[in-house]
Amino acid sequence: MKFAQDIYVYEWTDMYDNNCNSYYIGGSVQALIDPGLTRHLPSLLESLRFDGIKETDIRYVINTHSHPDHFEGSDSFDPSQVKIAMHAEEITFLQGEGAALFDLFGLSRPKAAINMILTEGNLSLGNETFEVILTPGHSPGSIGLYWPERKALFCG
């Protein structure tokens, strides 16, 4: 659902199944934030198509953290076509004890090729500048992505 110019919000409302809210930033950015669980990705992509956004429009997949309900769907994107991003602290967590979360849910750890390592500070996407804010707590490398120009914060 279009929320504002170039900002789309896809709220997860099924109280009987787990997933996450997802966001898409259009314009020159073309970033999907938190693709969710792989089994729900087709529904998310259909919602994007309804809003005029094709899967091939997605240039970045930004993961706010590595929990399965936010990150697993990243595995569905071709890393030669899409930058798959995660904070360096979260990558370390995922390669260690964070992988156990997938086992708890009976899922295999995604083999998504994280080819864009985030660090705290400014991040250029398209013609826009964002701020990556490290917010450890929910997981060691959780982030919020802040868009100062729009005063919009995307968080997991």
Protein backbone atom coordinates (compact mmCIF):
# COMPACT_ATOMS: atom_id res chain seq x y z
CA MET A 1 0.00 0.00 0.00
CA LYS A 2 1.35 3.39 -0.94
CA PHE A 3 1.92 5.35 2.26
CA ALA A 4 3.60 8.48 0.88
CA GLN A 5 5.57 9.44 -2.22
CA ASP A 6 8.00 6.56 -2.89
CA ILE A 7 7.14 4.85 0.44
CA TYR A 8 5.07 1.65 0.48
CA VAL A 9 4.04 -0.29 3.57
CA TYR A 10 3.03 -3.95 3.58
CA GLU A 11 1.65 -4.73 7.01
CA TRP A 12 1.46 -8.33 8.18
CA THR A 13 -1.96 -8.80 9.76
CA ASP A 14 -2.43 -12.58 10.04
CA MET A 15 -2.56 -13.18 13.79
CA TYR A 16 -2.36 -16.97 13.29
CA ASP A 17 0.91 -17.04 11.35
CA ASN A 18 4.24 -15.34 11.90
CA ASN A 19 5.86 -12.92 9.46
CA CYS A 20 6.93 -9.28 9.44
CA ASN A 21 5.93 -5.92 8.08
CA SER A 22 7.78 -5.08 4.86
CA TYR A 23 8.51 -1.77 3.21
CA TYR A 24 9.45 -0.65 -0.27
CA ILE A 25 11.18 2.59 -1.12
CA GLY A 26 10.65 3.54 -4.75
CA GLY A 27 12.03 6.35 -6.88
CA SER A 28 15.76 6.07 -7.49
CA VAL A 29 16.19 3.86 -4.40
CA GLN A 30 14.18 0.71 -5.25
CA ALA A 31 14.77 -1.03 -1.92
CA LEU A 32 12.70 -3.76 -0.27
CA ILE A 33 13.11 -3.77 3.50
CA ASP A 34 12.57 -7.11 5.25
CA PRO A 35 11.23 -9.60 2.68
CA GLY A 36 9.85 -11.90 5.39
CA LEU A 37 9.46 -15.66 5.29
CA THR A 38 10.01 -17.38 1.95
CA ARG A 39 6.55 -18.98 2.02
CA HIS A 40 4.94 -15.52 2.23
CA LEU A 41 7.16 -13.81 -0.36
CA PRO A 42 4.85 -14.60 -3.32
CA SER A 43 2.03 -12.77 -1.54
CA LEU A 44 4.29 -9.79 -0.84
CA LEU A 45 5.43 -9.68 -4.46
CA GLU A 46 1.78 -9.78 -5.57
CA SER A 47 1.03 -6.81 -3.32
CA LEU A 48 3.99 -4.98 -4.83
CA ARG A 49 2.70 -5.77 -8.35
CA PHE A 50 -0.72 -4.41 -7.35
CA ASP A 51 1.07 -1.14 -6.55
CA GLY A 52 2.87 -1.17 -9.92
CA ILE A 53 6.20 -2.49 -8.60
CA LYS A 54 7.74 -5.44 -10.43
CA GLU A 55 10.14 -7.87 -8.78
CA THR A 56 12.76 -6.73 -11.31
CA ASP A 57 12.40 -3.18 -9.92
CA ILE A 58 13.99 -4.29 -6.64
CA ARG A 59 17.68 -3.30 -6.57
CA TYR A 60 18.29 -3.70 -2.84
CA VAL A 61 16.98 -6.02 -0.13
CA ILE A 62 17.75 -4.42 3.22
CA ASN A 63 17.45 -6.75 6.21
CA THR A 64 16.87 -5.06 9.57
CA HIS A 65 18.02 -8.26 11.29
CA SER A 66 18.44 -11.98 10.65
CA HIS A 67 15.44 -13.52 12.39
CA PRO A 68 13.71 -15.94 10.00
CA ASP A 69 10.46 -13.97 9.77
CA HIS A 70 12.38 -10.95 8.43
CA PHE A 71 15.31 -12.45 6.54
CA GLU A 72 14.50 -15.89 5.10
CA GLY A 73 12.93 -14.49 1.90
CA SER A 74 16.27 -12.86 1.00
CA ASP A 75 17.31 -16.27 -0.26
CA SER A 76 14.85 -15.89 -3.15
CA PHE A 77 16.70 -12.98 -4.76
CA ASP A 78 19.54 -13.36 -7.25
CA PRO A 79 22.62 -11.69 -5.70
CA SER A 80 23.99 -10.95 -9.18
CA GLN A 81 20.91 -8.74 -9.75
CA VAL A 82 20.08 -7.49 -6.25
CA LYS A 83 22.23 -6.18 -3.40
CA ILE A 84 21.32 -8.09 -0.24
CA ALA A 85 22.23 -6.03 2.79
CA MET A 86 22.70 -6.70 6.49
CA HIS A 87 24.72 -5.06 9.28
CA ALA A 88 28.16 -6.58 9.94
CA GLU A 89 27.26 -7.36 13.60
CA GLU A 90 24.17 -9.26 12.45
CA ILE A 91 26.15 -11.28 9.92
CA THR A 92 28.44 -12.42 12.73
CA PHE A 93 25.41 -13.33 14.85
CA LEU A 94 23.80 -15.24 11.96
CA GLN A 95 26.98 -17.22 11.35
CA GLY A 96 27.02 -18.25 15.02
CA GLU A 97 24.26 -18.63 17.57
CA GLY A 98 21.68 -16.78 15.43
CA ALA A 99 21.51 -19.74 13.07
CA ALA A 100 19.84 -21.75 15.85
CA LEU A 101 16.67 -19.65 15.43
CA PHE A 102 16.10 -21.28 12.07
CA ASP A 103 16.35 -24.72 13.68
CA LEU A 104 13.78 -23.71 16.32
CA PHE A 105 11.27 -22.97 13.57
CA GLY A 106 12.16 -26.09 11.56
CA LEU A 107 13.74 -24.00 8.80
CA SER A 108 17.06 -24.29 7.02
CA ARG A 109 19.37 -21.31 7.35
CA PRO A 110 19.14 -19.34 4.10
CA LYS A 111 22.17 -19.36 1.89
CA ALA A 112 21.46 -15.77 0.82
CA ALA A 113 24.64 -14.14 -0.38
CA ILE A 114 24.87 -10.99 1.68
CA ASN A 115 26.77 -8.83 -0.76
CA MET A 116 26.27 -5.45 0.91
CA ILE A 117 27.59 -5.14 4.44
CA LEU A 118 26.05 -2.29 6.41
CA THR A 119 27.79 -0.24 9.06
CA GLU A 120 26.44 2.51 11.23
CA GLY A 121 26.33 5.89 9.51
CA ASN A 122 25.37 7.30 6.13
CA LEU A 123 24.29 5.04 3.29
CA SER A 124 23.67 6.14 -0.29
CA LEU A 125 20.94 4.30 -2.17
CA GLY A 126 20.05 5.63 -5.59
CA ASN A 127 20.11 9.41 -5.34
CA GLU A 128 19.17 9.42 -1.65
CA THR A 129 21.11 9.40 1.61
CA PHE A 130 19.94 7.30 4.54
CA GLU A 131 21.33 6.74 8.00
CA VAL A 132 21.93 3.21 9.28
CA ILE A 133 21.27 3.20 13.02
CA LEU A 134 22.54 0.20 14.97
CA THR A 135 19.89 -0.81 17.54
CA PRO A 136 21.14 -3.93 19.31
CA GLY A 137 18.76 -5.64 21.69
CA HIS A 138 16.28 -7.60 19.62
CA SER A 139 19.40 -9.07 18.03
CA PRO A 140 23.04 -7.88 18.17
CA GLY A 141 23.06 -6.28 14.73
CA SER A 142 19.49 -4.98 14.42
CA ILE A 143 19.22 -1.73 12.52
CA GLY A 144 16.82 1.05 11.75
CA LEU A 145 17.11 2.77 8.38
CA TYR A 146 16.40 6.49 8.67
CA TRP A 147 15.62 8.73 5.71
CA PRO A 148 16.31 12.27 6.99
CA GLU A 149 14.83 14.00 3.94
CA ARG A 150 11.45 12.35 4.57
CA LYS A 151 11.80 11.98 8.35
CA ALA A 152 10.96 8.29 7.89
CA LEU A 153 12.37 5.47 10.00
CA PHE A 154 12.16 1.87 8.77
CA CYS A 155 12.71 -0.62 11.56
CA GLY A 156 12.21 -4.32 12.10
